[in-house]
Amino acid sequence: MSTAIEKKKEVVAEIVEKLQNSKSTILTDYRGLTVAEMNELRKQLREAGVEYKVLKNTMVRRAAAEVNYSELDEHLVGPTAIAFSPEDAVAPAKVLHKFAKDHKALEIKAGIVEGNVVSLDQIKELADLPSREGLLSMLLSVLQAPMRNFALAVKAVADKDGEGEEAQEA
């Protein structure tokens, strides 16, 4: 019996480590997904650098209590699979939200983003954000606009002056 307890302690320690090292952690209810759909979801998450595991709620509760995420307890009901993303805070939200739109059986419960427990609505907002590259291109276009407008104004003045000189010479 003590070996079973030791194994459970190891699992809890592993979950604690994942919770601490993840920039984003999202809890889902996968009930109703077929094996093929689950494999497709795992593939999409793996491509995004996200680990997706089915874990026992009691183990997750104990691990969450150790790292002060007891607010997750109310969401740890029924079958729970958790997406851990150690590098990208937005990737699991995007993949899971997109997959949940196409497969109504997948339900996003809650999550932890950058150390804060977040609700389903906040996860949806995060998923709807443009990618990092998209945000950077928006920022660059905003920064370039004043210079572009100034250059166009200078060109228009230069063109107008050029027309005035041609009229005087004729």
C-alpha atoms as a PDB file:
ATOM      1  CA  MET A   1       0.000   0.000   0.000  1.00  0.00           C
ATOM      2  CA  SER A   2       2.859   2.394   0.694  1.00  0.00           C
ATOM      3  CA  THR A   3       4.131   1.995  -2.869  1.00  0.00           C
ATOM      4  CA  ALA A   4       0.772   3.217  -4.181  1.00  0.00           C
ATOM      5  CA  ILE A   5       0.979   6.259  -1.912  1.00  0.00           C
ATOM      6  CA  GLU A   6       4.534   6.946  -3.083  1.00  0.00           C
ATOM      7  CA  LYS A   7       3.411   6.773  -6.738  1.00  0.00           C
ATOM      8  CA  LYS A   8       0.580   9.193  -6.009  1.00  0.00           C
ATOM      9  CA  LYS A   9       3.003  11.579  -4.311  1.00  0.00           C
ATOM     10  CA  GLU A  10       5.241  11.425  -7.402  1.00  0.00           C
ATOM     11  CA  VAL A  11       2.269  12.234  -9.651  1.00  0.00           C
ATOM     12  CA  VAL A  12       1.287  15.186  -7.440  1.00  0.00           C
ATOM     13  CA  ALA A  13       4.902  16.435  -7.470  1.00  0.00           C
ATOM     14  CA  GLU A  14       4.961  16.180 -11.287  1.00  0.00           C
ATOM     15  CA  ILE A  15       1.705  18.159 -11.554  1.00  0.00           C
ATOM     16  CA  VAL A  16       3.059  20.799  -9.148  1.00  0.00           C
ATOM     17  CA  GLU A  17       6.152  21.152 -11.330  1.00  0.00           C
ATOM     18  CA  LYS A  18       4.043  21.504 -14.494  1.00  0.00           C
ATOM     19  CA  LEU A  19       1.797  24.112 -12.851  1.00  0.00           C
ATOM     20  CA  GLN A  20       4.806  26.130 -11.717  1.00  0.00           C
ATOM     21  CA  ASN A  21       6.663  25.936 -15.043  1.00  0.00           C
ATOM     22  CA  SER A  22       3.698  26.611 -17.339  1.00  0.00           C
ATOM     23  CA  LYS A  23       2.959  30.062 -18.669  1.00  0.00           C
ATOM     24  CA  SER A  24      -0.530  28.824 -19.444  1.00  0.00           C
ATOM     25  CA  THR A  25      -2.558  25.895 -18.119  1.00  0.00           C
ATOM     26  CA  ILE A  26      -6.100  25.183 -19.324  1.00  0.00           C
ATOM     27  CA  LEU A  27      -8.577  22.661 -17.896  1.00  0.00           C
ATOM     28  CA  THR A  28     -10.986  20.964 -20.280  1.00  0.00           C
ATOM     29  CA  ASP A  29     -13.807  18.427 -20.193  1.00  0.00           C
ATOM     30  CA  TYR A  30     -13.263  16.032 -23.090  1.00  0.00           C
ATOM     31  CA  ARG A  31     -16.382  13.906 -22.507  1.00  0.00           C
ATOM     32  CA  GLY A  32     -18.040  13.049 -25.812  1.00  0.00           C
ATOM     33  CA  LEU A  33     -14.954  13.311 -28.021  1.00  0.00           C
ATOM     34  CA  THR A  34     -14.148  10.241 -30.075  1.00  0.00           C
ATOM     35  CA  VAL A  35     -10.698   8.670 -29.966  1.00  0.00           C
ATOM     36  CA  ALA A  36      -9.962  10.089 -33.428  1.00  0.00           C
ATOM     37  CA  GLU A  37     -11.006  13.602 -32.333  1.00  0.00           C
ATOM     38  CA  MET A  38      -8.917  13.315 -29.170  1.00  0.00           C
ATOM     39  CA  ASN A  39      -5.898  12.226 -31.204  1.00  0.00           C
ATOM     40  CA  GLU A  40      -6.405  15.155 -33.585  1.00  0.00           C
ATOM     41  CA  LEU A  41      -6.606  17.569 -30.644  1.00  0.00           C
ATOM     42  CA  ARG A  42      -3.442  16.121 -29.106  1.00  0.00           C
ATOM     43  CA  LYS A  43      -1.666  16.456 -32.474  1.00  0.00           C
ATOM     44  CA  GLN A  44      -2.674  20.111 -32.854  1.00  0.00           C
ATOM     45  CA  LEU A  45      -1.595  20.895 -29.293  1.00  0.00           C
ATOM     46  CA  ARG A  46       1.708  19.049 -29.700  1.00  0.00           C
ATOM     47  CA  GLU A  47       2.449  21.078 -32.859  1.00  0.00           C
ATOM     48  CA  ALA A  48       1.868  24.242 -30.809  1.00  0.00           C
ATOM     49  CA  GLY A  49       4.292  23.047 -28.109  1.00  0.00           C
ATOM     50  CA  VAL A  50       1.550  22.208 -25.600  1.00  0.00           C
ATOM     51  CA  GLU A  51       1.359  19.055 -23.462  1.00  0.00           C
ATOM     52  CA  TYR A  52      -2.165  17.640 -22.995  1.00  0.00           C
ATOM     53  CA  LYS A  53      -2.776  15.119 -20.204  1.00  0.00           C
ATOM     54  CA  VAL A  54      -5.770  13.431 -18.643  1.00  0.00           C
ATOM     55  CA  LEU A  55      -5.283  13.604 -14.877  1.00  0.00           C
ATOM     56  CA  LYS A  56      -7.213  12.534 -11.795  1.00  0.00           C
ATOM     57  CA  ASN A  57      -9.061  15.427 -10.178  1.00  0.00           C
ATOM     58  CA  THR A  58      -7.912  14.483  -6.665  1.00  0.00           C
ATOM     59  CA  MET A  59      -4.265  14.609  -7.746  1.00  0.00           C
ATOM     60  CA  VAL A  60      -4.753  17.963  -9.447  1.00  0.00           C
ATOM     61  CA  ARG A  61      -6.557  19.324  -6.364  1.00  0.00           C
ATOM     62  CA  ARG A  62      -3.641  18.369  -4.133  1.00  0.00           C
ATOM     63  CA  ALA A  63      -1.103  19.856  -6.540  1.00  0.00           C
ATOM     64  CA  ALA A  64      -3.159  23.037  -6.960  1.00  0.00           C
ATOM     65  CA  ALA A  65      -3.384  23.435  -3.183  1.00  0.00           C
ATOM     66  CA  GLU A  66       0.416  23.191  -2.922  1.00  0.00           C
ATOM     67  CA  VAL A  67       0.905  26.076  -5.372  1.00  0.00           C
ATOM     68  CA  ASN A  68      -2.032  28.187  -4.084  1.00  0.00           C
ATOM     69  CA  TYR A  69      -4.440  27.592  -6.980  1.00  0.00           C
ATOM     70  CA  SER A  70      -7.282  26.260  -4.818  1.00  0.00           C
ATOM     71  CA  GLU A  71      -9.729  28.327  -6.916  1.00  0.00           C
ATOM     72  CA  LEU A  72      -9.484  25.560  -9.522  1.00  0.00           C
ATOM     73  CA  ASP A  73     -11.206  23.063  -7.188  1.00  0.00           C
ATOM     74  CA  GLU A  74     -14.702  24.033  -8.337  1.00  0.00           C
ATOM     75  CA  HIS A  75     -13.721  23.213 -11.946  1.00  0.00           C
ATOM     76  CA  LEU A  76     -12.209  19.836 -11.105  1.00  0.00           C
ATOM     77  CA  VAL A  77     -15.419  17.861 -11.580  1.00  0.00           C
ATOM     78  CA  GLY A  78     -15.940  15.124 -14.138  1.00  0.00           C
ATOM     79  CA  PRO A  79     -13.344  14.000 -16.661  1.00  0.00           C
ATOM     80  CA  THR A  80     -10.542  16.562 -16.822  1.00  0.00           C
ATOM     81  CA  ALA A  81      -7.706  16.916 -19.286  1.00  0.00           C
ATOM     82  CA  ILE A  82      -5.183  19.695 -18.812  1.00  0.00           C
ATOM     83  CA  ALA A  83      -3.112  21.550 -21.399  1.00  0.00           C
ATOM     84  CA  PHE A  84       0.271  22.750 -20.108  1.00  0.00           C
ATOM     85  CA  SER A  85       2.259  25.290 -22.121  1.00  0.00           C
ATOM     86  CA  PRO A  86       5.701  26.127 -20.733  1.00  0.00           C
ATOM     87  CA  GLU A  87       6.603  28.606 -23.496  1.00  0.00           C
ATOM     88  CA  ASP A  88       3.557  30.319 -24.988  1.00  0.00           C
ATOM     89  CA  ALA A  89       0.731  31.706 -22.861  1.00  0.00           C
ATOM     90  CA  VAL A  90      -1.659  32.084 -25.805  1.00  0.00           C
ATOM     91  CA  ALA A  91      -1.102  28.878 -27.818  1.00  0.00           C
ATOM     92  CA  PRO A  92      -3.255  26.471 -25.778  1.00  0.00           C
ATOM     93  CA  ALA A  93      -6.112  28.970 -25.596  1.00  0.00           C
ATOM     94  CA  LYS A  94      -6.064  29.455 -29.375  1.00  0.00           C
ATOM     95  CA  VAL A  95      -5.886  25.743 -30.227  1.00  0.00           C
ATOM     96  CA  LEU A  96      -8.485  24.643 -27.669  1.00  0.00           C
ATOM     97  CA  HIS A  97     -10.909  27.479 -28.477  1.00  0.00           C
ATOM     98  CA  LYS A  98     -10.692  26.765 -32.222  1.00  0.00           C
ATOM     99  CA  PHE A  99     -11.134  23.028 -31.644  1.00  0.00           C
ATOM    100  CA  ALA A 100     -14.085  23.621 -29.283  1.00  0.00           C
ATOM    101  CA  LYS A 101     -15.835  25.697 -31.981  1.00  0.00           C
ATOM    102  CA  ASP A 102     -15.651  22.746 -34.385  1.00  0.00           C
ATOM    103  CA  HIS A 103     -16.310  20.034 -31.775  1.00  0.00           C
ATOM    104  CA  LYS A 104     -19.062  20.969 -29.330  1.00  0.00           C
ATOM    105  CA  ALA A 105     -18.177  18.039 -27.038  1.00  0.00           C
ATOM    106  CA  LEU A 106     -14.961  19.745 -25.889  1.00  0.00           C
ATOM    107  CA  GLU A 107     -15.647  22.127 -23.019  1.00  0.00           C
ATOM    108  CA  ILE A 108     -13.080  24.578 -21.688  1.00  0.00           C
ATOM    109  CA  LYS A 109     -13.518  24.904 -17.927  1.00  0.00           C
ATOM    110  CA  ALA A 110     -10.933  27.398 -16.622  1.00  0.00           C
ATOM    111  CA  GLY A 111      -7.213  27.978 -16.579  1.00  0.00           C
ATOM    112  CA  ILE A 112      -4.129  29.666 -15.247  1.00  0.00           C
ATOM    113  CA  VAL A 113      -2.393  32.278 -17.386  1.00  0.00           C
ATOM    114  CA  GLU A 114       0.838  33.869 -16.190  1.00  0.00           C
ATOM    115  CA  GLY A 115       0.077  32.842 -12.588  1.00  0.00           C
ATOM    116  CA  ASN A 116      -3.537  34.098 -12.517  1.00  0.00           C
ATOM    117  CA  VAL A 117      -6.603  31.853 -12.437  1.00  0.00           C
ATOM    118  CA  VAL A 118      -8.812  32.841 -15.384  1.00  0.00           C
ATOM    119  CA  SER A 119     -12.384  32.059 -16.388  1.00  0.00           C
ATOM    120  CA  LEU A 120     -13.741  30.669 -19.641  1.00  0.00           C
ATOM    121  CA  ASP A 121     -14.567  34.194 -20.899  1.00  0.00           C
ATOM    122  CA  GLN A 122     -11.013  35.386 -20.276  1.00  0.00           C
ATOM    123  CA  ILE A 123      -9.629  32.351 -22.110  1.00  0.00           C
ATOM    124  CA  LYS A 124     -11.889  33.145 -25.085  1.00  0.00           C
ATOM    125  CA  GLU A 125     -10.650  36.751 -25.100  1.00  0.00           C
ATOM    126  CA  LEU A 126      -7.071  35.514 -25.037  1.00  0.00           C
ATOM    127  CA  ALA A 127      -7.773  33.117 -27.903  1.00  0.00           C
ATOM    128  CA  ASP A 128      -9.248  35.917 -30.019  1.00  0.00           C
ATOM    129  CA  LEU A 129      -6.114  38.057 -29.748  1.00  0.00           C
ATOM    130  CA  PRO A 130      -4.030  38.297 -32.900  1.00  0.00           C
ATOM    131  CA  SER A 131      -0.754  36.394 -32.968  1.00  0.00           C
ATOM    132  CA  ARG A 132       2.467  37.994 -31.775  1.00  0.00           C
ATOM    133  CA  GLU A 133       3.500  38.628 -35.388  1.00  0.00           C
ATOM    134  CA  GLY A 134       0.126  40.204 -36.127  1.00  0.00           C
ATOM    135  CA  LEU A 135       0.413  42.506 -33.117  1.00  0.00           C
ATOM    136  CA  LEU A 136       3.938  43.528 -34.133  1.00  0.00           C
ATOM    137  CA  SER A 137       2.835  44.339 -37.688  1.00  0.00           C
ATOM    138  CA  MET A 138      -0.047  46.443 -36.309  1.00  0.00           C
ATOM    139  CA  LEU A 139       2.392  48.306 -34.074  1.00  0.00           C
ATOM    140  CA  LEU A 140       4.786  48.934 -36.960  1.00  0.00           C
ATOM    141  CA  SER A 141       2.033  50.287 -39.191  1.00  0.00           C
ATOM    142  CA  VAL A 142       0.935  52.660 -36.408  1.00  0.00           C
ATOM    143  CA  LEU A 143       4.517  53.820 -35.901  1.00  0.00           C
ATOM    144  CA  GLN A 144       5.087  54.319 -39.635  1.00  0.00           C
ATOM    145  CA  ALA A 145       1.894  56.307 -40.261  1.00  0.00           C
ATOM    146  CA  PRO A 146       3.170  59.743 -39.078  1.00  0.00           C
ATOM    147  CA  MET A 147       6.371  59.430 -41.123  1.00  0.00           C
ATOM    148  CA  ARG A 148       4.458  58.275 -44.189  1.00  0.00           C
ATOM    149  CA  ASN A 149       2.001  61.173 -43.875  1.00  0.00           C
ATOM    150  CA  PHE A 150       4.868  63.653 -43.454  1.00  0.00           C
ATOM    151  CA  ALA A 151       6.642  62.264 -46.531  1.00  0.00           C
ATOM    152  CA  LEU A 152       3.440  62.534 -48.578  1.00  0.00           C
ATOM    153  CA  ALA A 153       2.937  66.144 -47.433  1.00  0.00           C
ATOM    154  CA  VAL A 154       6.521  67.092 -48.361  1.00  0.00           C
ATOM    155  CA  LYS A 155       6.129  65.404 -51.756  1.00  0.00           C
ATOM    156  CA  ALA A 156       2.833  67.234 -52.371  1.00  0.00           C
ATOM    157  CA  VAL A 157       4.467  70.596 -51.520  1.00  0.00           C
ATOM    158  CA  ALA A 158       7.434  69.791 -53.772  1.00  0.00           C
ATOM    159  CA  ASP A 159       5.128  68.812 -56.631  1.00  0.00           C
ATOM    160  CA  LYS A 160       3.086  72.002 -56.183  1.00  0.00           C
ATOM    161  CA  ASP A 161       6.237  74.145 -56.198  1.00  0.00           C
ATOM    162  CA  GLY A 162       7.430  72.357 -59.318  1.00  0.00           C
ATOM    163  CA  GLU A 163       4.161  73.168 -61.122  1.00  0.00           C
ATOM    164  CA  GLY A 164       4.396  76.834 -60.095  1.00  0.00           C
ATOM    165  CA  GLU A 165       7.917  77.184 -61.541  1.00  0.00           C
ATOM    166  CA  GLU A 166       6.838  75.591 -64.839  1.00  0.00           C
ATOM    167  CA  ALA A 167       3.940  78.073 -65.151  1.00  0.00           C
ATOM    168  CA  GLN A 168       6.286  81.065 -64.589  1.00  0.00           C
ATOM    169  CA  GLU A 169       8.776  79.861 -67.214  1.00  0.00           C
ATOM    170  CA  ALA A 170       6.072  79.486 -69.894  1.00  0.00           C
END
